[in-house]
């Protein structure tokens, strides 16, 4: 019974975190926002997107701008923020 209660409590916390993430990151994010936030060039991020993500699903062009899906943007922000933090400590 105690395990079930812990499971339900953990599930509740995870759903709350997911909804908070949806508030902070919109469904589509511009490539320039990710570039400005991480400090990486647009070319670096574009190259990484082309090599590791699926076009028209994770990133696409719209009115001359490159947009990134919420899931891909979160992965990119985590990846490059971690590298930036390591570089800042050296």
PDB file of N, CA and C in Angstrom:
ATOM      1  N   UNK A   1       0.834  -1.197   0.000  1.00  0.00           N
ATOM      2  CA  UNK A   1       0.000   0.000   0.000  1.00  0.00           C
ATOM      3  C   UNK A   1       0.871   1.250   0.000  1.00  0.00           C
ATOM      4  N   UNK A   2       1.959   1.208   0.770  1.00  0.00           N
ATOM      5  CA  UNK A   2       2.855   2.351   0.863  1.00  0.00           C
ATOM      6  C   UNK A   2       3.540   2.625  -0.476  1.00  0.00           C
ATOM      7  N   UNK A   3       3.898   1.549  -1.219  1.00  0.00           N
ATOM      8  CA  UNK A   3       4.522   1.712  -2.528  1.00  0.00           C
ATOM      9  C   UNK A   3       3.571   2.383  -3.509  1.00  0.00           C
ATOM     10  N   UNK A   4       2.305   2.002  -3.447  1.00  0.00           N
ATOM     11  CA  UNK A   4       1.311   2.603  -4.331  1.00  0.00           C
ATOM     12  C   UNK A   4       1.158   4.097  -4.031  1.00  0.00           C
ATOM     13  N   UNK A   5       1.140   4.454  -2.773  1.00  0.00           N
ATOM     14  CA  UNK A   5       1.029   5.861  -2.378  1.00  0.00           C
ATOM     15  C   UNK A   5       2.243   6.637  -2.880  1.00  0.00           C
ATOM     16  N   UNK A   6       3.437   6.074  -2.722  1.00  0.00           N
ATOM     17  CA  UNK A   6       4.658   6.742  -3.195  1.00  0.00           C
ATOM     18  C   UNK A   6       4.645   6.902  -4.713  1.00  0.00           C
ATOM     19  N   UNK A   7       4.162   5.876  -5.414  1.00  0.00           N
ATOM     20  CA  UNK A   7       4.067   5.941  -6.863  1.00  0.00           C
ATOM     21  C   UNK A   7       3.121   7.060  -7.292  1.00  0.00           C
ATOM     22  N   UNK A   8       1.968   7.133  -6.667  1.00  0.00           N
ATOM     23  CA  UNK A   8       0.983   8.156  -7.035  1.00  0.00           C
ATOM     24  C   UNK A   8       1.501   9.565  -6.715  1.00  0.00           C
ATOM     25  N   UNK A   9       2.214   9.710  -5.631  1.00  0.00           N
ATOM     26  CA  UNK A   9       2.774  11.001  -5.270  1.00  0.00           C
ATOM     27  C   UNK A   9       3.849  11.420  -6.272  1.00  0.00           C
ATOM     28  N   UNK A  10       4.697  10.483  -6.652  1.00  0.00           N
ATOM     29  CA  UNK A  10       5.736  10.765  -7.640  1.00  0.00           C
ATOM     30  C   UNK A  10       5.128  11.114  -8.992  1.00  0.00           C
ATOM     31  N   UNK A  11       4.105  10.385  -9.380  1.00  0.00           N
ATOM     32  CA  UNK A  11       3.422  10.654 -10.648  1.00  0.00           C
ATOM     33  C   UNK A  11       2.812  12.053 -10.636  1.00  0.00           C
ATOM     34  N   UNK A  12       2.238  12.439  -9.521  1.00  0.00           N
ATOM     35  CA  UNK A  12       1.657  13.773  -9.390  1.00  0.00           C
ATOM     36  C   UNK A  12       2.715  14.853  -9.543  1.00  0.00           C
ATOM     37  N   UNK A  13       3.866  14.649  -8.913  1.00  0.00           N
ATOM     38  CA  UNK A  13       4.964  15.620  -9.037  1.00  0.00           C
ATOM     39  C   UNK A  13       5.460  15.727 -10.475  1.00  0.00           C
ATOM     40  N   UNK A  14       5.586  14.590 -11.144  1.00  0.00           N
ATOM     41  CA  UNK A  14       6.060  14.610 -12.526  1.00  0.00           C
ATOM     42  C   UNK A  14       5.080  15.320 -13.451  1.00  0.00           C
ATOM     43  N   UNK A  15       3.810  15.116 -13.261  1.00  0.00           N
ATOM     44  CA  UNK A  15       2.802  15.811 -14.066  1.00  0.00           C
ATOM     45  C   UNK A  15       2.829  17.316 -13.807  1.00  0.00           C
ATOM     46  N   UNK A  16       3.068  17.691 -12.563  1.00  0.00           N
ATOM     47  CA  UNK A  16       3.176  19.104 -12.222  1.00  0.00           C
ATOM     48  C   UNK A  16       4.402  19.736 -12.889  1.00  0.00           C
ATOM     49  N   UNK A  17       5.518  19.029 -12.886  1.00  0.00           N
ATOM     50  CA  UNK A  17       6.733  19.531 -13.532  1.00  0.00           C
ATOM     51  C   UNK A  17       6.510  19.650 -15.037  1.00  0.00           C
ATOM     52  N   UNK A  18       5.831  18.683 -15.630  1.00  0.00           N
ATOM     53  CA  UNK A  18       5.553  18.722 -17.062  1.00  0.00           C
ATOM     54  C   UNK A  18       4.692  19.932 -17.416  1.00  0.00           C
ATOM     55  N   UNK A  19       3.677  20.216 -16.624  1.00  0.00           N
ATOM     56  CA  UNK A  19       2.829  21.376 -16.908  1.00  0.00           C
ATOM     57  C   UNK A  19       3.590  22.685 -16.715  1.00  0.00           C
ATOM     58  N   UNK A  20       4.507  22.729 -15.748  1.00  0.00           N
ATOM     59  CA  UNK A  20       5.321  23.934 -15.557  1.00  0.00           C
ATOM     60  C   UNK A  20       6.261  24.132 -16.747  1.00  0.00           C
ATOM     61  N   UNK A  21       6.809  23.052 -17.276  1.00  0.00           N
ATOM     62  CA  UNK A  21       7.678  23.141 -18.445  1.00  0.00           C
ATOM     63  C   UNK A  21       6.910  23.683 -19.638  1.00  0.00           C
ATOM     64  N   UNK A  22       5.681  23.242 -19.808  1.00  0.00           N
ATOM     65  CA  UNK A  22       4.855  23.745 -20.911  1.00  0.00           C
ATOM     66  C   UNK A  22       4.580  25.240 -20.773  1.00  0.00           C
ATOM     67  N   UNK A  23       4.549  25.754 -19.564  1.00  0.00           N
ATOM     68  CA  UNK A  23       4.353  27.186 -19.367  1.00  0.00           C
ATOM     69  C   UNK A  23       5.589  27.983 -19.772  1.00  0.00           C
ATOM     70  N   UNK A  24       6.772  27.426 -19.520  1.00  0.00           N
ATOM     71  CA  UNK A  24       8.010  28.147 -19.786  1.00  0.00           C
ATOM     72  C   UNK A  24       8.452  28.068 -21.236  1.00  0.00           C
ATOM     73  N   UNK A  25       8.217  26.943 -21.894  1.00  0.00           N
ATOM     74  CA  UNK A  25       8.632  26.776 -23.283  1.00  0.00           C
ATOM     75  C   UNK A  25       7.402  26.638 -24.172  1.00  0.00           C
ATOM     76  N   UNK A  26       7.249  27.516 -25.154  1.00  0.00           N
ATOM     77  CA  UNK A  26       6.118  27.379 -26.085  1.00  0.00           C
ATOM     78  C   UNK A  26       6.309  26.158 -26.988  1.00  0.00           C
ATOM     79  N   UNK A  27       5.301  25.838 -27.788  1.00  0.00           N
ATOM     80  CA  UNK A  27       5.358  24.655 -28.651  1.00  0.00           C
ATOM     81  C   UNK A  27       6.396  24.782 -29.755  1.00  0.00           C
ATOM     82  N   UNK A  28       6.662  26.016 -30.189  1.00  0.00           N
ATOM     83  CA  UNK A  28       7.715  26.211 -31.189  1.00  0.00           C
ATOM     84  C   UNK A  28       8.587  27.383 -30.752  1.00  0.00           C
ATOM     85  N   UNK A  29       9.892  27.218 -30.960  1.00  0.00           N
ATOM     86  CA  UNK A  29      10.870  28.200 -30.495  1.00  0.00           C
ATOM     87  C   UNK A  29      11.799  28.511 -31.653  1.00  0.00           C
ATOM     88  N   UNK A  30      12.157  29.777 -31.808  1.00  0.00           N
ATOM     89  CA  UNK A  30      13.046  30.143 -32.900  1.00  0.00           C
ATOM     90  C   UNK A  30      14.471  29.682 -32.620  1.00  0.00           C
ATOM     91  N   UNK A  31      15.167  29.393 -33.686  1.00  0.00           N
ATOM     92  CA  UNK A  31      16.559  28.991 -33.589  1.00  0.00           C
ATOM     93  C   UNK A  31      17.409  30.107 -32.987  1.00  0.00           C
ATOM     94  N   UNK A  32      17.079  31.350 -33.315  1.00  0.00           N
ATOM     95  CA  UNK A  32      17.860  32.468 -32.781  1.00  0.00           C
ATOM     96  C   UNK A  32      17.714  32.586 -31.265  1.00  0.00           C
ATOM     97  N   UNK A  33      16.556  32.242 -30.708  1.00  0.00           N
ATOM     98  CA  UNK A  33      16.382  32.256 -29.257  1.00  0.00           C
ATOM     99  C   UNK A  33      17.314  31.237 -28.602  1.00  0.00           C
ATOM    100  N   UNK A  34      17.377  30.032 -29.182  1.00  0.00           N
ATOM    101  CA  UNK A  34      18.255  28.997 -28.633  1.00  0.00           C
ATOM    102  C   UNK A  34      19.709  29.440 -28.753  1.00  0.00           C
ATOM    103  N   UNK A  35      20.048  30.058 -29.874  1.00  0.00           N
ATOM    104  CA  UNK A  35      21.413  30.548 -30.078  1.00  0.00           C
ATOM    105  C   UNK A  35      21.774  31.620 -29.053  1.00  0.00           C
ATOM    106  N   UNK A  36      20.879  32.561 -28.833  1.00  0.00           N
ATOM    107  CA  UNK A  36      21.131  33.628 -27.854  1.00  0.00           C
ATOM    108  C   UNK A  36      21.233  33.079 -26.430  1.00  0.00           C
ATOM    109  N   UNK A  37      20.403  32.110 -26.111  1.00  0.00           N
ATOM    110  CA  UNK A  37      20.371  31.558 -24.767  1.00  0.00           C
ATOM    111  C   UNK A  37      21.607  30.723 -24.450  1.00  0.00           C
ATOM    112  N   UNK A  38      22.058  29.946 -25.432  1.00  0.00           N
ATOM    113  CA  UNK A  38      23.175  29.036 -25.183  1.00  0.00           C
ATOM    114  C   UNK A  38      24.534  29.650 -25.481  1.00  0.00           C
ATOM    115  N   UNK A  39      24.548  30.690 -26.300  1.00  0.00           N
ATOM    116  CA  UNK A  39      25.824  31.287 -26.685  1.00  0.00           C
ATOM    117  C   UNK A  39      26.479  30.584 -27.861  1.00  0.00           C
ATOM    118  N   UNK A  40      25.820  29.610 -28.441  1.00  0.00           N
ATOM    119  CA  UNK A  40      26.335  28.903 -29.617  1.00  0.00           C
ATOM    120  C   UNK A  40      25.831  29.605 -30.876  1.00  0.00           C
ATOM    121  N   UNK A  41      26.581  29.458 -31.966  1.00  0.00           N
ATOM    122  CA  UNK A  41      26.174  30.099 -33.218  1.00  0.00           C
ATOM    123  C   UNK A  41      24.970  29.376 -33.821  1.00  0.00           C
ATOM    124  N   UNK A  42      24.240  30.094 -34.663  1.00  0.00           N
ATOM    125  CA  UNK A  42      23.095  29.487 -35.335  1.00  0.00           C
ATOM    126  C   UNK A  42      23.543  28.341 -36.242  1.00  0.00           C
ATOM    127  N   UNK A  43      24.721  28.493 -36.832  1.00  0.00           N
ATOM    128  CA  UNK A  43      25.235  27.439 -37.714  1.00  0.00           C
ATOM    129  C   UNK A  43      25.522  26.157 -36.926  1.00  0.00           C
ATOM    130  N   UNK A  44      26.078  26.288 -35.736  1.00  0.00           N
ATOM    131  CA  UNK A  44      26.368  25.115 -34.899  1.00  0.00           C
ATOM    132  C   UNK A  44      25.079  24.390 -34.531  1.00  0.00           C
ATOM    133  N   UNK A  45      24.088  25.144 -34.123  1.00  0.00           N
ATOM    134  CA  UNK A  45      22.815  24.535 -33.712  1.00  0.00           C
ATOM    135  C   UNK A  45      22.108  23.923 -34.912  1.00  0.00           C
ATOM    136  N   UNK A  46      22.134  24.611 -36.053  1.00  0.00           N
ATOM    137  CA  UNK A  46      21.513  24.077 -37.264  1.00  0.00           C
ATOM    138  C   UNK A  46      22.160  22.767 -37.670  1.00  0.00           C
ATOM    139  N   UNK A  47      23.481  22.718 -37.632  1.00  0.00           N
ATOM    140  CA  UNK A  47      24.201  21.492 -37.996  1.00  0.00           C
ATOM    141  C   UNK A  47      23.833  20.351 -37.049  1.00  0.00           C
ATOM    142  N   UNK A  48      23.753  20.635 -35.746  1.00  0.00           N
ATOM    143  CA  UNK A  48      23.387  19.603 -34.778  1.00  0.00           C
ATOM    144  C   UNK A  48      21.950  19.132 -35.022  1.00  0.00           C
ATOM    145  N   UNK A  49      21.052  20.059 -35.329  1.00  0.00           N
ATOM    146  CA  UNK A  49      19.665  19.690 -35.622  1.00  0.00           C
ATOM    147  C   UNK A  49      19.598  18.759 -36.828  1.00  0.00           C
ATOM    148  N   UNK A  50      20.326  19.104 -37.888  1.00  0.00           N
ATOM    149  CA  UNK A  50      20.291  18.298 -39.111  1.00  0.00           C
ATOM    150  C   UNK A  50      20.856  16.900 -38.883  1.00  0.00           C
ATOM    151  N   UNK A  51      21.837  16.781 -38.020  1.00  0.00           N
ATOM    152  CA  UNK A  51      22.468  15.484 -37.788  1.00  0.00           C
ATOM    153  C   UNK A  51      21.740  14.602 -36.778  1.00  0.00           C
ATOM    154  N   UNK A  52      20.980  15.200 -35.857  1.00  0.00           N
ATOM    155  CA  UNK A  52      20.414  14.414 -34.753  1.00  0.00           C
ATOM    156  C   UNK A  52      18.888  14.469 -34.622  1.00  0.00           C
ATOM    157  N   UNK A  53      18.232  15.299 -35.410  1.00  0.00           N
ATOM    158  CA  UNK A  53      16.781  15.427 -35.286  1.00  0.00           C
ATOM    159  C   UNK A  53      16.119  15.257 -36.648  1.00  0.00           C
ATOM    160  N   UNK A  54      14.819  15.066 -36.646  1.00  0.00           N
ATOM    161  CA  UNK A  54      14.078  14.803 -37.868  1.00  0.00           C
ATOM    162  C   UNK A  54      13.477  16.090 -38.435  1.00  0.00           C
ATOM    163  N   UNK A  55      13.812  16.413 -39.698  1.00  0.00           N
ATOM    164  CA  UNK A  55      13.239  17.616 -40.322  1.00  0.00           C
ATOM    165  C   UNK A  55      11.720  17.518 -40.414  1.00  0.00           C
ATOM    166  N   UNK A  56      11.058  18.647 -40.378  1.00  0.00           N
ATOM    167  CA  UNK A  56       9.602  18.795 -40.465  1.00  0.00           C
ATOM    168  C   UNK A  56       8.865  18.221 -39.259  1.00  0.00           C
ATOM    169  N   UNK A  57       9.587  17.601 -38.333  1.00  0.00           N
ATOM    170  CA  UNK A  57       8.982  17.123 -37.094  1.00  0.00           C
ATOM    171  C   UNK A  57       9.588  17.890 -35.923  1.00  0.00           C
ATOM    172  N   UNK A  58      10.913  17.863 -35.828  1.00  0.00           N
ATOM    173  CA  UNK A  58      11.618  18.528 -34.736  1.00  0.00           C
ATOM    174  C   UNK A  58      12.045  19.946 -35.081  1.00  0.00           C
ATOM    175  N   UNK A  59      12.213  20.244 -36.366  1.00  0.00           N
ATOM    176  CA  UNK A  59      12.541  21.601 -36.790  1.00  0.00           C
ATOM    177  C   UNK A  59      12.020  21.825 -38.206  1.00  0.00           C
ATOM    178  N   UNK A  60      11.686  23.077 -38.516  1.00  0.00           N
ATOM    179  CA  UNK A  60      11.120  23.407 -39.815  1.00  0.00           C
ATOM    180  C   UNK A  60      11.304  24.899 -40.085  1.00  0.00           C
ATOM    181  N   UNK A  61      11.146  25.279 -41.369  1.00  0.00           N
ATOM    182  CA  UNK A  61      11.226  26.677 -41.771  1.00  0.00           C
ATOM    183  C   UNK A  61       9.820  27.229 -41.913  1.00  0.00           C
ATOM    184  N   UNK A  62       9.646  28.441 -41.411  1.00  0.00           N
ATOM    185  CA  UNK A  62       8.348  29.104 -41.491  1.00  0.00           C
ATOM    186  C   UNK A  62       8.604  30.599 -41.656  1.00  0.00           C
ATOM    187  N   UNK A  63       8.180  31.160 -42.771  1.00  0.00           N
ATOM    188  CA  UNK A  63       8.373  32.585 -43.076  1.00  0.00           C
ATOM    189  C   UNK A  63       9.840  33.003 -42.973  1.00  0.00           C
ATOM    190  N   UNK A  64      10.740  32.152 -43.459  1.00  0.00           N
ATOM    191  CA  UNK A  64      12.158  32.479 -43.471  1.00  0.00           C
ATOM    192  C   UNK A  64      12.881  32.257 -42.151  1.00  0.00           C
ATOM    193  N   UNK A  65      12.194  31.794 -41.136  1.00  0.00           N
ATOM    194  CA  UNK A  65      12.821  31.518 -39.841  1.00  0.00           C
ATOM    195  C   UNK A  65      12.804  30.019 -39.580  1.00  0.00           C
ATOM    196  N   UNK A  66      13.808  29.556 -38.853  1.00  0.00           N
ATOM    197  CA  UNK A  66      13.844  28.143 -38.464  1.00  0.00           C
ATOM    198  C   UNK A  66      13.233  28.031 -37.070  1.00  0.00           C
ATOM    199  N   UNK A  67      12.236  27.178 -36.946  1.00  0.00           N
ATOM    200  CA  UNK A  67      11.579  26.918 -35.665  1.00  0.00           C
ATOM    201  C   UNK A  67      11.931  25.509 -35.203  1.00  0.00           C
ATOM    202  N   UNK A  68      11.988  25.344 -33.890  1.00  0.00           N
ATOM    203  CA  UNK A  68      12.326  24.068 -33.279  1.00  0.00           C
ATOM    204  C   UNK A  68      11.164  23.659 -32.379  1.00  0.00           C
ATOM    205  N   UNK A  69      10.837  22.377 -32.370  1.00  0.00           N
ATOM    206  CA  UNK A  69       9.754  21.886 -31.506  1.00  0.00           C
ATOM    207  C   UNK A  69      10.163  22.014 -30.038  1.00  0.00           C
ATOM    208  N   UNK A  70       9.178  21.979 -29.173  1.00  0.00           N
ATOM    209  CA  UNK A  70       9.427  22.120 -27.738  1.00  0.00           C
ATOM    210  C   UNK A  70      10.362  21.029 -27.223  1.00  0.00           C
ATOM    211  N   UNK A  71      10.134  19.790 -27.633  1.00  0.00           N
ATOM    212  CA  UNK A  71      10.953  18.673 -27.155  1.00  0.00           C
ATOM    213  C   UNK A  71      12.402  18.809 -27.630  1.00  0.00           C
ATOM    214  N   UNK A  72      12.588  19.151 -28.899  1.00  0.00           N
ATOM    215  CA  UNK A  72      13.946  19.310 -29.429  1.00  0.00           C
ATOM    216  C   UNK A  72      14.633  20.510 -28.785  1.00  0.00           C
ATOM    217  N   UNK A  73      13.893  21.598 -28.578  1.00  0.00           N
ATOM    218  CA  UNK A  73      14.477  22.787 -27.950  1.00  0.00           C
ATOM    219  C   UNK A  73      14.939  22.484 -26.536  1.00  0.00           C
ATOM    220  N   UNK A  74      14.153  21.719 -25.803  1.00  0.00           N
ATOM    221  CA  UNK A  74      14.537  21.362 -24.437  1.00  0.00           C
ATOM    222  C   UNK A  74      15.827  20.546 -24.437  1.00  0.00           C
ATOM    223  N   UNK A  75      15.944  19.601 -25.373  1.00  0.00           N
ATOM    224  CA  UNK A  75      17.165  18.793 -25.464  1.00  0.00           C
ATOM    225  C   UNK A  75      18.370  19.656 -25.829  1.00  0.00           C
ATOM    226  N   UNK A  76      18.176  20.587 -26.774  1.00  0.00           N
ATOM    227  CA  UNK A  76      19.271  21.468 -27.171  1.00  0.00           C
ATOM    228  C   UNK A  76      19.700  22.377 -26.028  1.00  0.00           C
ATOM    229  N   UNK A  77      18.727  22.955 -25.333  1.00  0.00           N
ATOM    230  CA  UNK A  77      19.056  23.852 -24.219  1.00  0.00           C
ATOM    231  C   UNK A  77      19.795  23.104 -23.121  1.00  0.00           C
ATOM    232  N   UNK A  78      19.364  21.890 -22.810  1.00  0.00           N
ATOM    233  CA  UNK A  78      20.066  21.089 -21.798  1.00  0.00           C
ATOM    234  C   UNK A  78      21.475  20.750 -22.244  1.00  0.00           C
ATOM    235  N   UNK A  79      21.626  20.367 -23.488  1.00  0.00           N
ATOM    236  CA  UNK A  79      22.934  19.959 -24.003  1.00  0.00           C
ATOM    237  C   UNK A  79      23.927  21.118 -23.973  1.00  0.00           C
ATOM    238  N   UNK A  80      23.542  22.235 -24.534  1.00  0.00           N
ATOM    239  CA  UNK A  80      24.491  23.336 -24.658  1.00  0.00           C
ATOM    240  C   UNK A  80      24.654  24.127 -23.369  1.00  0.00           C
ATOM    241  N   UNK A  81      23.671  24.145 -22.511  1.00  0.00           N
ATOM    242  CA  UNK A  81      23.827  24.797 -21.210  1.00  0.00           C
ATOM    243  C   UNK A  81      24.825  24.024 -20.358  1.00  0.00           C
ATOM    244  N   UNK A  82      24.786  22.688 -20.432  1.00  0.00           N
ATOM    245  CA  UNK A  82      25.707  21.856 -19.680  1.00  0.00           C
ATOM    246  C   UNK A  82      27.136  22.125 -20.150  1.00  0.00           C
ATOM    247  N   UNK A  83      27.345  22.206 -21.460  1.00  0.00           N
ATOM    248  CA  UNK A  83      28.677  22.472 -21.983  1.00  0.00           C
ATOM    249  C   UNK A  83      29.144  23.864 -21.612  1.00  0.00           C
ATOM    250  N   UNK A  84      28.212  24.829 -21.625  1.00  0.00           N
ATOM    251  CA  UNK A  84      28.575  26.195 -21.253  1.00  0.00           C
ATOM    252  C   UNK A  84      28.989  26.262 -19.795  1.00  0.00           C
ATOM    253  N   UNK A  85      28.305  25.515 -18.939  1.00  0.00           N
ATOM    254  CA  UNK A  85      28.645  25.513 -17.509  1.00  0.00           C
ATOM    255  C   UNK A  85      30.022  24.893 -17.291  1.00  0.00           C
ATOM    256  N   UNK A  86      30.337  23.845 -18.037  1.00  0.00           N
ATOM    257  CA  UNK A  86      31.659  23.210 -17.913  1.00  0.00           C
ATOM    258  C   UNK A  86      32.748  24.151 -18.421  1.00  0.00           C
ATOM    259  N   UNK A  87      32.488  24.842 -19.517  1.00  0.00           N
ATOM    260  CA  UNK A  87      33.474  25.774 -20.087  1.00  0.00           C
ATOM    261  C   UNK A  87      33.682  26.969 -19.169  1.00  0.00           C
ATOM    262  N   UNK A  88      32.640  27.408 -18.480  1.00  0.00           N
ATOM    263  CA  UNK A  88      32.752  28.549 -17.573  1.00  0.00           C
ATOM    264  C   UNK A  88      33.591  28.223 -16.338  1.00  0.00           C
ATOM    265  N   UNK A  89      33.661  26.950 -15.969  1.00  0.00           N
ATOM    266  CA  UNK A  89      34.422  26.587 -14.769  1.00  0.00           C
ATOM    267  C   UNK A  89      35.906  26.428 -15.046  1.00  0.00           C
ATOM    268  N   UNK A  90      36.273  26.334 -16.310  1.00  0.00           N
ATOM    269  CA  UNK A  90      37.691  26.157 -16.668  1.00  0.00           C
ATOM    270  C   UNK A  90      38.412  27.483 -16.731  1.00  0.00           C
TER     271      UNK A  90
END
